[in-house]
Amino acid sequence: QVQLVESGGGLVQAGGSLRLTCSVSGRTFSSYVMGWFRQAPGKEREFVSRLRWSGGRTHYGDSVKGRFTISRDNAKNTVYLQMNSLKPEDTAVYFCAASKIHDTEYPRSYDYWGQGTQVTVSS
């Protein structure tokens, strides 16, 4: 079993930055894919970014490309999401997720989820 705990959310003005942290505990494997998703009120869960524990290519949703950066620290069992140039439309609950097998942007393919952290961007 894998447990994920997000932190780092908060209230920030447009143009500001936040760094989200996903602390991972339990047994993981290098093949796991770690993802960040977000969900705004009344909207579907949206893919933000993902990468593999083993490294390699990172992926981003179109709406965050060039502004957000995903990274990991295997020694600390932590995944980060650095968010720069934040916009009001980035306001959402942000979730960390882990997929045992699938390298995908589809939420239904992820096996483990955190509880989420609220990010609010004021205009």
PDB file of N, CA and C in Angstrom:
ATOM      1  N   GLN A   1       0.848  -1.191   0.000  1.00  0.00           N
ATOM      2  CA  GLN A   1       0.000   0.000   0.000  1.00  0.00           C
ATOM      3  C   GLN A   1       0.888   1.247   0.000  1.00  0.00           C
ATOM      4  N   VAL A   2       0.422   2.250  -0.711  1.00  0.00           N
ATOM      5  CA  VAL A   2       1.154   3.503  -0.837  1.00  0.00           C
ATOM      6  C   VAL A   2       0.294   4.623  -0.276  1.00  0.00           C
ATOM      7  N   GLN A   3       0.901   5.482   0.515  1.00  0.00           N
ATOM      8  CA  GLN A   3       0.193   6.642   1.056  1.00  0.00           C
ATOM      9  C   GLN A   3       0.821   7.919   0.505  1.00  0.00           C
ATOM     10  N   LEU A   4      -0.035   8.839   0.137  1.00  0.00           N
ATOM     11  CA  LEU A   4       0.414  10.110  -0.442  1.00  0.00           C
ATOM     12  C   LEU A   4      -0.171  11.261   0.365  1.00  0.00           C
ATOM     13  N   VAL A   5       0.668  12.218   0.715  1.00  0.00           N
ATOM     14  CA  VAL A   5       0.209  13.375   1.471  1.00  0.00           C
ATOM     15  C   VAL A   5       0.734  14.635   0.796  1.00  0.00           C
ATOM     16  N   GLU A   6      -0.197  15.484   0.372  1.00  0.00           N
ATOM     17  CA  GLU A   6       0.175  16.739  -0.269  1.00  0.00           C
ATOM     18  C   GLU A   6       0.284  17.860   0.756  1.00  0.00           C
ATOM     19  N   SER A   7       1.124  18.823   0.456  1.00  0.00           N
ATOM     20  CA  SER A   7       1.235  20.021   1.274  1.00  0.00           C
ATOM     21  C   SER A   7       1.751  21.151   0.399  1.00  0.00           C
ATOM     22  N   GLY A   8       1.671  22.373   0.928  1.00  0.00           N
ATOM     23  CA  GLY A   8       2.222  23.514   0.218  1.00  0.00           C
ATOM     24  C   GLY A   8       1.208  24.408  -0.451  1.00  0.00           C
ATOM     25  N   GLY A   9      -0.052  24.023  -0.405  1.00  0.00           N
ATOM     26  CA  GLY A   9      -1.066  24.866  -0.999  1.00  0.00           C
ATOM     27  C   GLY A   9      -1.284  26.133  -0.178  1.00  0.00           C
ATOM     28  N   GLY A  10      -2.080  27.037  -0.743  1.00  0.00           N
ATOM     29  CA  GLY A  10      -2.368  28.270  -0.034  1.00  0.00           C
ATOM     30  C   GLY A  10      -2.956  29.312  -0.951  1.00  0.00           C
ATOM     31  N   LEU A  11      -2.967  30.544  -0.456  1.00  0.00           N
ATOM     32  CA  LEU A  11      -3.501  31.683  -1.197  1.00  0.00           C
ATOM     33  C   LEU A  11      -2.333  32.509  -1.719  1.00  0.00           C
ATOM     34  N   VAL A  12      -2.371  32.821  -3.003  1.00  0.00           N
ATOM     35  CA  VAL A  12      -1.300  33.592  -3.623  1.00  0.00           C
ATOM     36  C   VAL A  12      -1.907  34.535  -4.649  1.00  0.00           C
ATOM     37  N   GLN A  13      -1.239  35.655  -4.871  1.00  0.00           N
ATOM     38  CA  GLN A  13      -1.713  36.592  -5.879  1.00  0.00           C
ATOM     39  C   GLN A  13      -1.298  36.132  -7.272  1.00  0.00           C
ATOM     40  N   ALA A  14      -2.052  36.560  -8.245  1.00  0.00           N
ATOM     41  CA  ALA A  14      -1.716  36.244  -9.632  1.00  0.00           C
ATOM     42  C   ALA A  14      -0.286  36.697  -9.931  1.00  0.00           C
ATOM     43  N   GLY A  15       0.438  35.830 -10.644  1.00  0.00           N
ATOM     44  CA  GLY A  15       1.836  36.093 -10.933  1.00  0.00           C
ATOM     45  C   GLY A  15       2.797  35.513  -9.921  1.00  0.00           C
ATOM     46  N   GLY A  16       2.276  35.055  -8.806  1.00  0.00           N
ATOM     47  CA  GLY A  16       3.111  34.502  -7.745  1.00  0.00           C
ATOM     48  C   GLY A  16       3.447  33.040  -7.971  1.00  0.00           C
ATOM     49  N   SER A  17       4.101  32.468  -6.976  1.00  0.00           N
ATOM     50  CA  SER A  17       4.575  31.087  -7.076  1.00  0.00           C
ATOM     51  C   SER A  17       4.217  30.304  -5.819  1.00  0.00           C
ATOM     52  N   LEU A  18       4.087  29.008  -5.991  1.00  0.00           N
ATOM     53  CA  LEU A  18       3.937  28.066  -4.891  1.00  0.00           C
ATOM     54  C   LEU A  18       4.669  26.786  -5.258  1.00  0.00           C
ATOM     55  N   ARG A  19       5.127  26.068  -4.240  1.00  0.00           N
ATOM     56  CA  ARG A  19       5.677  24.741  -4.480  1.00  0.00           C
ATOM     57  C   ARG A  19       4.887  23.723  -3.665  1.00  0.00           C
ATOM     58  N   LEU A  20       4.293  22.796  -4.378  1.00  0.00           N
ATOM     59  CA  LEU A  20       3.568  21.716  -3.726  1.00  0.00           C
ATOM     60  C   LEU A  20       4.499  20.533  -3.494  1.00  0.00           C
ATOM     61  N   THR A  21       4.252  19.855  -2.395  1.00  0.00           N
ATOM     62  CA  THR A  21       5.042  18.685  -2.032  1.00  0.00           C
ATOM     63  C   THR A  21       4.137  17.484  -1.857  1.00  0.00           C
ATOM     64  N   CYS A  22       4.546  16.363  -2.385  1.00  0.00           N
ATOM     65  CA  CYS A  22       3.845  15.097  -2.198  1.00  0.00           C
ATOM     66  C   CYS A  22       4.791  14.140  -1.478  1.00  0.00           C
ATOM     67  N   SER A  23       4.472  13.842  -0.235  1.00  0.00           N
ATOM     68  CA  SER A  23       5.278  12.907   0.552  1.00  0.00           C
ATOM     69  C   SER A  23       4.715  11.509   0.367  1.00  0.00           C
ATOM     70  N   VAL A  24       5.587  10.598  -0.008  1.00  0.00           N
ATOM     71  CA  VAL A  24       5.185   9.241  -0.361  1.00  0.00           C
ATOM     72  C   VAL A  24       5.692   8.259   0.692  1.00  0.00           C
ATOM     73  N   SER A  25       4.813   7.405   1.183  1.00  0.00           N
ATOM     74  CA  SER A  25       5.228   6.358   2.107  1.00  0.00           C
ATOM     75  C   SER A  25       4.639   5.030   1.648  1.00  0.00           C
ATOM     76  N   GLY A  26       5.220   3.959   2.165  1.00  0.00           N
ATOM     77  CA  GLY A  26       4.807   2.643   1.713  1.00  0.00           C
ATOM     78  C   GLY A  26       5.746   2.139   0.633  1.00  0.00           C
ATOM     79  N   ARG A  27       5.428   0.988   0.101  1.00  0.00           N
ATOM     80  CA  ARG A  27       6.325   0.360  -0.861  1.00  0.00           C
ATOM     81  C   ARG A  27       6.062   0.886  -2.270  1.00  0.00           C
ATOM     82  N   THR A  28       7.085   1.436  -2.865  1.00  0.00           N
ATOM     83  CA  THR A  28       6.978   1.918  -4.239  1.00  0.00           C
ATOM     84  C   THR A  28       8.037   1.230  -5.086  1.00  0.00           C
ATOM     85  N   PHE A  29       7.872   1.318  -6.363  1.00  0.00           N
ATOM     86  CA  PHE A  29       8.793   0.720  -7.312  1.00  0.00           C
ATOM     87  C   PHE A  29       9.210   1.756  -8.329  1.00  0.00           C
ATOM     88  N   SER A  30      10.390   1.539  -8.890  1.00  0.00           N
ATOM     89  CA  SER A  30      10.916   2.519  -9.841  1.00  0.00           C
ATOM     90  C   SER A  30      10.013   2.674 -11.053  1.00  0.00           C
ATOM     91  N   SER A  31       9.184   1.688 -11.316  1.00  0.00           N
ATOM     92  CA  SER A  31       8.299   1.762 -12.480  1.00  0.00           C
ATOM     93  C   SER A  31       7.073   2.642 -12.237  1.00  0.00           C
ATOM     94  N   TYR A  32       6.853   3.017 -10.989  1.00  0.00           N
ATOM     95  CA  TYR A  32       5.674   3.828 -10.690  1.00  0.00           C
ATOM     96  C   TYR A  32       5.733   5.165 -11.425  1.00  0.00           C
ATOM     97  N   VAL A  33       4.563   5.629 -11.794  1.00  0.00           N
ATOM     98  CA  VAL A  33       4.412   6.960 -12.374  1.00  0.00           C
ATOM     99  C   VAL A  33       3.724   7.841 -11.342  1.00  0.00           C
ATOM    100  N   MET A  34       4.310   8.990 -11.086  1.00  0.00           N
ATOM    101  CA  MET A  34       3.757   9.941 -10.129  1.00  0.00           C
ATOM    102  C   MET A  34       3.139  11.104 -10.884  1.00  0.00           C
ATOM    103  N   GLY A  35       1.925  11.434 -10.523  1.00  0.00           N
ATOM    104  CA  GLY A  35       1.234  12.486 -11.240  1.00  0.00           C
ATOM    105  C   GLY A  35       0.659  13.539 -10.317  1.00  0.00           C
ATOM    106  N   TRP A  36       0.461  14.696 -10.892  1.00  0.00           N
ATOM    107  CA  TRP A  36      -0.274  15.775 -10.232  1.00  0.00           C
ATOM    108  C   TRP A  36      -1.522  16.059 -11.072  1.00  0.00           C
ATOM    109  N   PHE A  37      -2.645  16.176 -10.378  1.00  0.00           N
ATOM    110  CA  PHE A  37      -3.916  16.516 -11.005  1.00  0.00           C
ATOM    111  C   PHE A  37      -4.533  17.659 -10.218  1.00  0.00           C
ATOM    112  N   ARG A  38      -5.531  18.289 -10.800  1.00  0.00           N
ATOM    113  CA  ARG A  38      -6.247  19.334 -10.088  1.00  0.00           C
ATOM    114  C   ARG A  38      -7.725  19.275 -10.438  1.00  0.00           C
ATOM    115  N   GLN A  39      -8.511  19.786  -9.518  1.00  0.00           N
ATOM    116  CA  GLN A  39      -9.953  19.794  -9.739  1.00  0.00           C
ATOM    117  C   GLN A  39     -10.534  21.076  -9.159  1.00  0.00           C
ATOM    118  N   ALA A  40     -11.157  21.848 -10.035  1.00  0.00           N
ATOM    119  CA  ALA A  40     -11.840  23.068  -9.634  1.00  0.00           C
ATOM    120  C   ALA A  40     -13.314  22.754  -9.398  1.00  0.00           C
ATOM    121  N   PRO A  41     -14.009  23.565  -8.617  1.00  0.00           N
ATOM    122  CA  PRO A  41     -15.426  23.305  -8.338  1.00  0.00           C
ATOM    123  C   PRO A  41     -16.240  23.188  -9.618  1.00  0.00           C
ATOM    124  N   GLY A  42     -17.022  22.129  -9.720  1.00  0.00           N
ATOM    125  CA  GLY A  42     -17.879  21.933 -10.870  1.00  0.00           C
ATOM    126  C   GLY A  42     -17.194  21.438 -12.115  1.00  0.00           C
ATOM    127  N   LYS A  43     -15.903  21.148 -12.012  1.00  0.00           N
ATOM    128  CA  LYS A  43     -15.158  20.682 -13.184  1.00  0.00           C
ATOM    129  C   LYS A  43     -14.589  19.291 -12.946  1.00  0.00           C
ATOM    130  N   GLU A  44     -14.220  18.634 -14.033  1.00  0.00           N
ATOM    131  CA  GLU A  44     -13.615  17.319 -13.935  1.00  0.00           C
ATOM    132  C   GLU A  44     -12.160  17.442 -13.481  1.00  0.00           C
ATOM    133  N   ARG A  45     -11.657  16.337 -12.957  1.00  0.00           N
ATOM    134  CA  ARG A  45     -10.264  16.303 -12.549  1.00  0.00           C
ATOM    135  C   ARG A  45      -9.387  16.425 -13.797  1.00  0.00           C
ATOM    136  N   GLU A  46      -8.383  17.271 -13.697  1.00  0.00           N
ATOM    137  CA  GLU A  46      -7.560  17.630 -14.854  1.00  0.00           C
ATOM    138  C   GLU A  46      -6.113  17.226 -14.630  1.00  0.00           C
ATOM    139  N   PHE A  47      -5.506  16.654 -15.648  1.00  0.00           N
ATOM    140  CA  PHE A  47      -4.086  16.297 -15.595  1.00  0.00           C
ATOM    141  C   PHE A  47      -3.233  17.565 -15.575  1.00  0.00           C
ATOM    142  N   VAL A  48      -2.236  17.564 -14.701  1.00  0.00           N
ATOM    143  CA  VAL A  48      -1.304  18.686 -14.612  1.00  0.00           C
ATOM    144  C   VAL A  48       0.098  18.275 -15.067  1.00  0.00           C
ATOM    145  N   SER A  49       0.618  17.200 -14.469  1.00  0.00           N
ATOM    146  CA  SER A  49       1.989  16.795 -14.793  1.00  0.00           C
ATOM    147  C   SER A  49       2.240  15.382 -14.286  1.00  0.00           C
ATOM    148  N   ARG A  50       3.275  14.730 -14.837  1.00  0.00           N
ATOM    149  CA  ARG A  50       3.647  13.408 -14.352  1.00  0.00           C
ATOM    150  C   ARG A  50       5.101  13.100 -14.698  1.00  0.00           C
ATOM    151  N   LEU A  51       5.658  12.146 -13.938  1.00  0.00           N
ATOM    152  CA  LEU A  51       6.973  11.611 -14.247  1.00  0.00           C
ATOM    153  C   LEU A  51       7.103  10.232 -13.610  1.00  0.00           C
ATOM    154  N   ARG A  52       8.145   9.509 -13.968  1.00  0.00           N
ATOM    155  CA  ARG A  52       8.419   8.204 -13.367  1.00  0.00           C
ATOM    156  C   ARG A  52       9.385   8.348 -12.201  1.00  0.00           C
ATOM    157  N   TRP A  53       9.222   7.490 -11.213  1.00  0.00           N
ATOM    158  CA  TRP A  53      10.175   7.460 -10.118  1.00  0.00           C
ATOM    159  C   TRP A  53      11.594   7.255 -10.653  1.00  0.00           C
ATOM    160  N   SER A  54      11.720   6.470 -11.705  1.00  0.00           N
ATOM    161  CA  SER A  54      13.047   6.151 -12.247  1.00  0.00           C
ATOM    162  C   SER A  54      13.631   7.288 -13.059  1.00  0.00           C
ATOM    163  N   GLY A  55      12.843   8.325 -13.271  1.00  0.00           N
ATOM    164  CA  GLY A  55      13.358   9.465 -14.019  1.00  0.00           C
ATOM    165  C   GLY A  55      12.885   9.443 -15.449  1.00  0.00           C
ATOM    166  N   GLY A  56      13.554  10.218 -16.278  1.00  0.00           N
ATOM    167  CA  GLY A  56      13.168  10.268 -17.670  1.00  0.00           C
ATOM    168  C   GLY A  56      12.292  11.468 -17.969  1.00  0.00           C
ATOM    169  N   ARG A  57      11.525  11.337 -18.998  1.00  0.00           N
ATOM    170  CA  ARG A  57      10.769  12.462 -19.524  1.00  0.00           C
ATOM    171  C   ARG A  57       9.659  12.894 -18.581  1.00  0.00           C
ATOM    172  N   THR A  58       9.437  14.195 -18.530  1.00  0.00           N
ATOM    173  CA  THR A  58       8.309  14.745 -17.789  1.00  0.00           C
ATOM    174  C   THR A  58       7.223  15.174 -18.776  1.00  0.00           C
ATOM    175  N   HIS A  59       5.993  15.211 -18.281  1.00  0.00           N
ATOM    176  CA  HIS A  59       4.853  15.558 -19.119  1.00  0.00           C
ATOM    177  C   HIS A  59       4.016  16.624 -18.423  1.00  0.00           C
ATOM    178  N   TYR A  60       3.424  17.494 -19.225  1.00  0.00           N
ATOM    179  CA  TYR A  60       2.628  18.580 -18.673  1.00  0.00           C
ATOM    180  C   TYR A  60       1.345  18.765 -19.470  1.00  0.00           C
ATOM    181  N   GLY A  61       0.296  19.202 -18.760  1.00  0.00           N
ATOM    182  CA  GLY A  61      -0.907  19.602 -19.444  1.00  0.00           C
ATOM    183  C   GLY A  61      -0.675  20.914 -20.189  1.00  0.00           C
ATOM    184  N   ASP A  62      -1.427  21.124 -21.238  1.00  0.00           N
ATOM    185  CA  ASP A  62      -1.223  22.305 -22.077  1.00  0.00           C
ATOM    186  C   ASP A  62      -1.365  23.603 -21.297  1.00  0.00           C
ATOM    187  N   SER A  63      -2.262  23.618 -20.324  1.00  0.00           N
ATOM    188  CA  SER A  63      -2.541  24.862 -19.606  1.00  0.00           C
ATOM    189  C   SER A  63      -1.427  25.264 -18.641  1.00  0.00           C
ATOM    190  N   VAL A  64      -0.501  24.367 -18.355  1.00  0.00           N
ATOM    191  CA  VAL A  64       0.557  24.688 -17.384  1.00  0.00           C
ATOM    192  C   VAL A  64       1.954  24.632 -17.988  1.00  0.00           C
ATOM    193  N   LYS A  65       2.069  24.227 -19.223  1.00  0.00           N
ATOM    194  CA  LYS A  65       3.384  24.132 -19.858  1.00  0.00           C
ATOM    195  C   LYS A  65       4.115  25.462 -19.802  1.00  0.00           C
ATOM    196  N   GLY A  66       5.388  25.391 -19.434  1.00  0.00           N
ATOM    197  CA  GLY A  66       6.205  26.594 -19.363  1.00  0.00           C
ATOM    198  C   GLY A  66       6.086  27.342 -18.045  1.00  0.00           C
ATOM    199  N   ARG A  67       5.125  26.954 -17.207  1.00  0.00           N
ATOM    200  CA  ARG A  67       4.931  27.625 -15.917  1.00  0.00           C
ATOM    201  C   ARG A  67       5.164  26.695 -14.729  1.00  0.00           C
ATOM    202  N   PHE A  68       4.825  25.434 -14.890  1.00  0.00           N
ATOM    203  CA  PHE A  68       4.945  24.451 -13.804  1.00  0.00           C
ATOM    204  C   PHE A  68       6.096  23.501 -14.102  1.00  0.00           C
ATOM    205  N   THR A  69       6.728  23.015 -13.023  1.00  0.00           N
ATOM    206  CA  THR A  69       7.802  22.045 -13.160  1.00  0.00           C
ATOM    207  C   THR A  69       7.641  20.949 -12.125  1.00  0.00           C
ATOM    208  N   ILE A  70       7.652  19.721 -12.591  1.00  0.00           N
ATOM    209  CA  ILE A  70       7.580  18.574 -11.688  1.00  0.00           C
ATOM    210  C   ILE A  70       8.982  18.027 -11.471  1.00  0.00           C
ATOM    211  N   SER A  71       9.235  17.569 -10.252  1.00  0.00           N
ATOM    212  CA  SER A  71      10.529  16.971  -9.957  1.00  0.00           C
ATOM    213  C   SER A  71      10.358  15.972  -8.823  1.00  0.00           C
ATOM    214  N   ARG A  72      11.409  15.207  -8.553  1.00  0.00           N
ATOM    215  CA  ARG A  72      11.315  14.219  -7.489  1.00  0.00           C
ATOM    216  C   ARG A  72      12.632  14.169  -6.742  1.00  0.00           C
ATOM    217  N   ASP A  73      12.551  13.706  -5.493  1.00  0.00           N
ATOM    218  CA  ASP A  73      13.739  13.449  -4.689  1.00  0.00           C
ATOM    219  C   ASP A  73      13.558  12.038  -4.149  1.00  0.00           C
ATOM    220  N   ASN A  74      14.178  11.085  -4.806  1.00  0.00           N
ATOM    221  CA  ASN A  74      13.981   9.686  -4.426  1.00  0.00           C
ATOM    222  C   ASN A  74      14.460   9.411  -2.999  1.00  0.00           C
ATOM    223  N   ALA A  75      15.510  10.073  -2.595  1.00  0.00           N
ATOM    224  CA  ALA A  75      16.045   9.846  -1.249  1.00  0.00           C
ATOM    225  C   ALA A  75      15.047  10.280  -0.178  1.00  0.00           C
ATOM    226  N   LYS A  76      14.255  11.295  -0.493  1.00  0.00           N
ATOM    227  CA  LYS A  76      13.264  11.797   0.458  1.00  0.00           C
ATOM    228  C   LYS A  76      11.867  11.254   0.181  1.00  0.00           C
ATOM    229  N   ASN A  77      11.738  10.414  -0.847  1.00  0.00           N
ATOM    230  CA  ASN A  77      10.417   9.896  -1.231  1.00  0.00           C
ATOM    231  C   ASN A  77       9.421  11.024  -1.412  1.00  0.00           C
ATOM    232  N   THR A  78       9.824  12.000  -2.181  1.00  0.00           N
ATOM    233  CA  THR A  78       9.018  13.205  -2.341  1.00  0.00           C
ATOM    234  C   THR A  78       8.955  13.616  -3.803  1.00  0.00           C
ATOM    235  N   VAL A  79       7.782  14.090  -4.184  1.00  0.00           N
ATOM    236  CA  VAL A  79       7.573  14.650  -5.515  1.00  0.00           C
ATOM    237  C   VAL A  79       7.129  16.099  -5.329  1.00  0.00           C
ATOM    238  N   TYR A  80       7.644  16.963  -6.161  1.00  0.00           N
ATOM    239  CA  TYR A  80       7.346  18.384  -6.057  1.00  0.00           C
ATOM    240  C   TYR A  80       6.632  18.885  -7.312  1.00  0.00           C
ATOM    241  N   LEU A  81       5.880  19.942  -7.128  1.00  0.00           N
ATOM    242  CA  LEU A  81       5.320  20.669  -8.260  1.00  0.00           C
ATOM    243  C   LEU A  81       5.583  22.154  -8.010  1.00  0.00           C
ATOM    244  N   GLN A  82       6.545  22.692  -8.759  1.00  0.00           N
ATOM    245  CA  GLN A  82       6.838  24.117  -8.666  1.00  0.00           C
ATOM    246  C   GLN A  82       5.915  24.847  -9.627  1.00  0.00           C
ATOM    247  N   MET A  83       5.150  25.789  -9.088  1.00  0.00           N
ATOM    248  CA  MET A  83       4.165  26.506  -9.892  1.00  0.00           C
ATOM    249  C   MET A  83       4.525  27.982  -9.910  1.00  0.00           C
ATOM    250  N   ASN A  84       4.842  28.475 -11.090  1.00  0.00           N
ATOM    251  CA  ASN A  84       5.205  29.878 -11.268  1.00  0.00           C
ATOM    252  C   ASN A  84       4.171  30.586 -12.148  1.00  0.00           C
ATOM    253  N   SER A  85       4.205  31.902 -12.119  1.00  0.00           N
ATOM    254  CA  SER A  85       3.299  32.711 -12.945  1.00  0.00           C
ATOM    255  C   SER A  85       1.857  32.239 -12.794  1.00  0.00           C
ATOM    256  N   LEU A  86       1.457  32.076 -11.569  1.00  0.00           N
ATOM    257  CA  LEU A  86       0.116  31.545 -11.304  1.00  0.00           C
ATOM    258  C   LEU A  86      -0.968  32.488 -11.774  1.00  0.00           C
ATOM    259  N   LYS A  87      -2.058  31.874 -12.225  1.00  0.00           N
ATOM    260  CA  LYS A  87      -3.203  32.605 -12.744  1.00  0.00           C
ATOM    261  C   LYS A  87      -4.440  32.251 -11.926  1.00  0.00           C
ATOM    262  N   PRO A  88      -5.453  33.107 -11.915  1.00  0.00           N
ATOM    263  CA  PRO A  88      -6.686  32.766 -11.188  1.00  0.00           C
ATOM    264  C   PRO A  88      -7.284  31.440 -11.649  1.00  0.00           C
ATOM    265  N   GLU A  89      -7.132  31.113 -12.918  1.00  0.00           N
ATOM    266  CA  GLU A  89      -7.685  29.849 -13.425  1.00  0.00           C
ATOM    267  C   GLU A  89      -6.918  28.620 -12.944  1.00  0.00           C
ATOM    268  N   ASP A  90      -5.805  28.827 -12.248  1.00  0.00           N
ATOM    269  CA  ASP A  90      -5.099  27.700 -11.631  1.00  0.00           C
ATOM    270  C   ASP A  90      -5.712  27.316 -10.278  1.00  0.00           C
ATOM    271  N   THR A  91      -6.674  28.098  -9.821  1.00  0.00           N
ATOM    272  CA  THR A  91      -7.323  27.811  -8.548  1.00  0.00           C
ATOM    273  C   THR A  91      -8.028  26.458  -8.603  1.00  0.00           C
ATOM    274  N   ALA A  92      -7.677  25.586  -7.657  1.00  0.00           N
ATOM    275  CA  ALA A  92      -8.227  24.226  -7.631  1.00  0.00           C
ATOM    276  C   ALA A  92      -7.661  23.499  -6.420  1.00  0.00           C
ATOM    277  N   VAL A  93      -8.216  22.325  -6.178  1.00  0.00           N
ATOM    278  CA  VAL A  93      -7.592  21.385  -5.263  1.00  0.00           C
ATOM    279  C   VAL A  93      -6.608  20.553  -6.077  1.00  0.00           C
ATOM    280  N   TYR A  94      -5.386  20.471  -5.610  1.00  0.00           N
ATOM    281  CA  TYR A  94      -4.338  19.741  -6.309  1.00  0.00           C
ATOM    282  C   TYR A  94      -4.088  18.411  -5.611  1.00  0.00           C
ATOM    283  N   PHE A  95      -4.064  17.360  -6.430  1.00  0.00           N
ATOM    284  CA  PHE A  95      -3.902  15.999  -5.931  1.00  0.00           C
ATOM    285  C   PHE A  95      -2.620  15.374  -6.466  1.00  0.00           C
ATOM    286  N   CYS A  96      -1.975  14.634  -5.605  1.00  0.00           N
ATOM    287  CA  CYS A  96      -0.864  13.790  -6.004  1.00  0.00           C
ATOM    288  C   CYS A  96      -1.406  12.375  -6.192  1.00  0.00           C
ATOM    289  N   ALA A  97      -0.892  11.662  -7.196  1.00  0.00           N
ATOM    290  CA  ALA A  97      -1.373  10.317  -7.476  1.00  0.00           C
ATOM    291  C   ALA A  97      -0.225   9.438  -7.947  1.00  0.00           C
ATOM    292  N   ALA A  98      -0.408   8.132  -7.786  1.00  0.00           N
ATOM    293  CA  ALA A  98       0.599   7.167  -8.223  1.00  0.00           C
ATOM    294  C   ALA A  98      -0.058   6.066  -9.041  1.00  0.00           C
ATOM    295  N   SER A  99       0.586   5.742 -10.143  1.00  0.00           N
ATOM    296  CA  SER A  99       0.137   4.648 -10.989  1.00  0.00           C
ATOM    297  C   SER A  99       1.184   3.541 -10.974  1.00  0.00           C
ATOM    298  N   LYS A 100       0.735   2.312 -10.737  1.00  0.00           N
ATOM    299  CA  LYS A 100       1.670   1.186 -10.678  1.00  0.00           C
ATOM    300  C   LYS A 100       2.200   0.804 -12.047  1.00  0.00           C
ATOM    301  N   ILE A 101       1.396   1.046 -13.059  1.00  0.00           N
ATOM    302  CA  ILE A 101       1.754   0.532 -14.375  1.00  0.00           C
ATOM    303  C   ILE A 101       1.675   1.590 -15.472  1.00  0.00           C
ATOM    304  N   HIS A 102       0.588   2.330 -15.464  1.00  0.00           N
ATOM    305  CA  HIS A 102       0.273   3.150 -16.626  1.00  0.00           C
ATOM    306  C   HIS A 102       0.946   4.516 -16.598  1.00  0.00           C
ATOM    307  N   ASP A 103       1.598   4.866 -17.679  1.00  0.00           N
ATOM    308  CA  ASP A 103       2.196   6.194 -17.862  1.00  0.00           C
ATOM    309  C   ASP A 103       1.196   6.994 -18.701  1.00  0.00           C
ATOM    310  N   THR A 104       0.282   7.666 -18.008  1.00  0.00           N
ATOM    311  CA  THR A 104      -0.857   8.239 -18.682  1.00  0.00           C
ATOM    312  C   THR A 104      -1.331   9.513 -17.999  1.00  0.00           C
ATOM    313  N   GLU A 105      -2.151  10.273 -18.715  1.00  0.00           N
ATOM    314  CA  GLU A 105      -2.735  11.486 -18.152  1.00  0.00           C
ATOM    315  C   GLU A 105      -4.152  11.270 -17.656  1.00  0.00           C
ATOM    316  N   TYR A 106      -4.622  10.037 -17.697  1.00  0.00           N
ATOM    317  CA  TYR A 106      -6.006   9.755 -17.345  1.00  0.00           C
ATOM    318  C   TYR A 106      -6.127   9.377 -15.870  1.00  0.00           C
ATOM    319  N   PRO A 107      -6.901  10.139 -15.112  1.00  0.00           N
ATOM    320  CA  PRO A 107      -7.001   9.883 -13.668  1.00  0.00           C
ATOM    321  C   PRO A 107      -7.414   8.459 -13.326  1.00  0.00           C
ATOM    322  N   ARG A 108      -8.262   7.853 -14.126  1.00  0.00           N
ATOM    323  CA  ARG A 108      -8.773   6.515 -13.783  1.00  0.00           C
ATOM    324  C   ARG A 108      -7.666   5.457 -13.800  1.00  0.00           C
ATOM    325  N   SER A 109      -6.537   5.776 -14.379  1.00  0.00           N
ATOM    326  CA  SER A 109      -5.431   4.808 -14.451  1.00  0.00           C
ATOM    327  C   SER A 109      -4.527   4.860 -13.226  1.00  0.00           C
ATOM    328  N   TYR A 110      -4.790   5.770 -12.319  1.00  0.00           N
ATOM    329  CA  TYR A 110      -3.949   5.918 -11.142  1.00  0.00           C
ATOM    330  C   TYR A 110      -4.529   5.130  -9.977  1.00  0.00           C
ATOM    331  N   ASP A 111      -3.645   4.494  -9.235  1.00  0.00           N
ATOM    332  CA  ASP A 111      -4.055   3.549  -8.202  1.00  0.00           C
ATOM    333  C   ASP A 111      -4.148   4.159  -6.807  1.00  0.00           C
ATOM    334  N   TYR A 112      -3.353   5.169  -6.555  1.00  0.00           N
ATOM    335  CA  TYR A 112      -3.305   5.763  -5.219  1.00  0.00           C
ATOM    336  C   TYR A 112      -3.442   7.279  -5.338  1.00  0.00           C
ATOM    337  N   TRP A 113      -4.128   7.857  -4.363  1.00  0.00           N
ATOM    338  CA  TRP A 113      -4.397   9.290  -4.365  1.00  0.00           C
ATOM    339  C   TRP A 113      -4.183   9.874  -2.981  1.00  0.00           C
ATOM    340  N   GLY A 114      -3.710  11.121  -2.955  1.00  0.00           N
ATOM    341  CA  GLY A 114      -3.678  11.863  -1.715  1.00  0.00           C
ATOM    342  C   GLY A 114      -5.008  12.564  -1.487  1.00  0.00           C
ATOM    343  N   GLN A 115      -5.088  13.292  -0.389  1.00  0.00           N
ATOM    344  CA  GLN A 115      -6.324  13.979  -0.028  1.00  0.00           C
ATOM    345  C   GLN A 115      -6.467  15.324  -0.713  1.00  0.00           C
ATOM    346  N   GLY A 116      -5.383  15.849  -1.234  1.00  0.00           N
ATOM    347  CA  GLY A 116      -5.441  17.111  -1.949  1.00  0.00           C
ATOM    348  C   GLY A 116      -5.036  18.301  -1.102  1.00  0.00           C
ATOM    349  N   THR A 117      -4.609  19.344  -1.776  1.00  0.00           N
ATOM    350  CA  THR A 117      -4.263  20.599  -1.118  1.00  0.00           C
ATOM    351  C   THR A 117      -4.831  21.745  -1.953  1.00  0.00           C
ATOM    352  N   GLN A 118      -5.442  22.704  -1.272  1.00  0.00           N
ATOM    353  CA  GLN A 118      -6.119  23.799  -1.959  1.00  0.00           C
ATOM    354  C   GLN A 118      -5.119  24.860  -2.402  1.00  0.00           C
ATOM    355  N   VAL A 119      -5.242  25.253  -3.654  1.00  0.00           N
ATOM    356  CA  VAL A 119      -4.481  26.386  -4.187  1.00  0.00           C
ATOM    357  C   VAL A 119      -5.476  27.427  -4.667  1.00  0.00           C
ATOM    358  N   THR A 120      -5.345  28.638  -4.154  1.00  0.00           N
ATOM    359  CA  THR A 120      -6.230  29.724  -4.549  1.00  0.00           C
ATOM    360  C   THR A 120      -5.384  30.892  -5.050  1.00  0.00           C
ATOM    361  N   VAL A 121      -5.676  31.322  -6.268  1.00  0.00           N
ATOM    362  CA  VAL A 121      -4.927  32.425  -6.875  1.00  0.00           C
ATOM    363  C   VAL A 121      -5.876  33.602  -7.034  1.00  0.00           C
ATOM    364  N   SER A 122      -5.554  34.687  -6.384  1.00  0.00           N
ATOM    365  CA  SER A 122      -6.404  35.877  -6.444  1.00  0.00           C
ATOM    366  C   SER A 122      -5.943  36.800  -7.570  1.00  0.00           C
ATOM    367  N   SER A 123      -6.897  37.507  -8.148  1.00  0.00           N
ATOM    368  CA  SER A 123      -6.577  38.405  -9.269  1.00  0.00           C
ATOM    369  C   SER A 123      -6.231  39.797  -8.778  1.00  0.00           C
TER     370      SER A 123
END
